[in-house]
Amino acid sequence: MLDLEQLKSIAELVDNMDLATEKLDKAYADNDAEEFNKIKKEILDAQAKISLMFGKEGIANK
């Protein structure tokens, strides 16, 4: 079961992904491949952290 701190962490990651998505759209529109790839990595890292929390070995299954 998730506790309040874990839920806050997930909410923060989701908020950061939302902001990063807006930046990703801008980098794409500006044809800025370097910035696009940097932001894409940030989003993928956040997704991976969330997946670990809910994954087979994640906190949700403890």
C-alpha atoms as a PDB file:
ATOM      1  CA  MET A   1       0.000   0.000   0.000  1.00  0.00           C
ATOM      2  CA  LEU A   2       1.222   3.493  -0.823  1.00  0.00           C
ATOM      3  CA  ASP A   3       1.676   6.025   1.940  1.00  0.00           C
ATOM      4  CA  LEU A   4       1.252   9.789   1.705  1.00  0.00           C
ATOM      5  CA  GLU A   5       4.925  10.484   0.952  1.00  0.00           C
ATOM      6  CA  GLN A   6       4.948   7.955  -1.867  1.00  0.00           C
ATOM      7  CA  LEU A   7       1.791   9.480  -3.334  1.00  0.00           C
ATOM      8  CA  LYS A   8       3.376  12.924  -3.142  1.00  0.00           C
ATOM      9  CA  SER A   9       6.442  11.608  -4.970  1.00  0.00           C
ATOM     10  CA  ILE A  10       4.293  10.157  -7.723  1.00  0.00           C
ATOM     11  CA  ALA A  11       2.294  13.379  -8.031  1.00  0.00           C
ATOM     12  CA  GLU A  12       5.514  15.374  -8.335  1.00  0.00           C
ATOM     13  CA  LEU A  13       6.839  13.052 -11.036  1.00  0.00           C
ATOM     14  CA  VAL A  14       3.580  13.331 -12.978  1.00  0.00           C
ATOM     15  CA  ASP A  15       3.614  17.137 -12.682  1.00  0.00           C
ATOM     16  CA  ASN A  16       7.214  17.219 -13.886  1.00  0.00           C
ATOM     17  CA  MET A  17       6.291  14.995 -16.829  1.00  0.00           C
ATOM     18  CA  ASP A  18       3.435  17.334 -17.710  1.00  0.00           C
ATOM     19  CA  LEU A  19       5.760  20.351 -17.750  1.00  0.00           C
ATOM     20  CA  ALA A  20       8.383  18.420 -19.678  1.00  0.00           C
ATOM     21  CA  THR A  21       5.786  17.463 -22.298  1.00  0.00           C
ATOM     22  CA  GLU A  22       5.135  21.133 -22.984  1.00  0.00           C
ATOM     23  CA  LYS A  23       8.885  21.720 -23.366  1.00  0.00           C
ATOM     24  CA  LEU A  24       9.097  18.655 -25.612  1.00  0.00           C
ATOM     25  CA  ASP A  25       6.411  20.089 -27.884  1.00  0.00           C
ATOM     26  CA  LYS A  26       8.311  23.392 -28.102  1.00  0.00           C
ATOM     27  CA  ALA A  27      11.620  21.672 -28.864  1.00  0.00           C
ATOM     28  CA  TYR A  28       9.878  19.676 -31.595  1.00  0.00           C
ATOM     29  CA  ALA A  29       8.289  22.812 -33.070  1.00  0.00           C
ATOM     30  CA  ASP A  30      11.651  24.590 -32.951  1.00  0.00           C
ATOM     31  CA  ASN A  31      13.311  21.573 -34.614  1.00  0.00           C
ATOM     32  CA  ASP A  32      15.799  21.419 -31.713  1.00  0.00           C
ATOM     33  CA  ALA A  33      16.881  17.777 -31.705  1.00  0.00           C
ATOM     34  CA  GLU A  34      19.348  18.155 -28.820  1.00  0.00           C
ATOM     35  CA  GLU A  35      16.776  19.718 -26.477  1.00  0.00           C
ATOM     36  CA  PHE A  36      14.112  17.272 -27.659  1.00  0.00           C
ATOM     37  CA  ASN A  37      16.286  14.270 -26.786  1.00  0.00           C
ATOM     38  CA  LYS A  38      17.247  15.761 -23.409  1.00  0.00           C
ATOM     39  CA  ILE A  39      13.615  16.328 -22.433  1.00  0.00           C
ATOM     40  CA  LYS A  40      12.561  12.941 -23.815  1.00  0.00           C
ATOM     41  CA  LYS A  41      15.132  11.308 -21.514  1.00  0.00           C
ATOM     42  CA  GLU A  42      13.727  13.250 -18.522  1.00  0.00           C
ATOM     43  CA  ILE A  43      10.229  11.991 -19.317  1.00  0.00           C
ATOM     44  CA  LEU A  44      11.398   8.408 -19.764  1.00  0.00           C
ATOM     45  CA  ASP A  45      13.321   8.586 -16.473  1.00  0.00           C
ATOM     46  CA  ALA A  46      10.206   9.802 -14.642  1.00  0.00           C
ATOM     47  CA  GLN A  47       8.140   7.025 -16.238  1.00  0.00           C
ATOM     48  CA  ALA A  48      10.721   4.464 -15.149  1.00  0.00           C
ATOM     49  CA  LYS A  49      10.638   5.742 -11.558  1.00  0.00           C
ATOM     50  CA  ILE A  50       6.851   5.481 -11.489  1.00  0.00           C
ATOM     51  CA  SER A  51       6.990   2.009 -13.020  1.00  0.00           C
ATOM     52  CA  LEU A  52       9.411   0.874 -10.332  1.00  0.00           C
ATOM     53  CA  MET A  53       7.037   2.116  -7.646  1.00  0.00           C
ATOM     54  CA  PHE A  54       4.179   0.082  -9.092  1.00  0.00           C
ATOM     55  CA  GLY A  55       6.166  -2.719 -10.654  1.00  0.00           C
ATOM     56  CA  LYS A  56       6.794  -6.257  -9.546  1.00  0.00           C
ATOM     57  CA  GLU A  57       9.396  -5.145  -7.013  1.00  0.00           C
ATOM     58  CA  GLY A  58       7.809  -1.761  -6.360  1.00  0.00           C
ATOM     59  CA  ILE A  59       6.383  -0.303  -3.172  1.00  0.00           C
ATOM     60  CA  ALA A  60       2.783  -0.960  -4.151  1.00  0.00           C
ATOM     61  CA  ASN A  61       3.344  -4.706  -3.832  1.00  0.00           C
ATOM     62  CA  LYS A  62       5.022  -4.696  -0.409  1.00  0.00           C
END
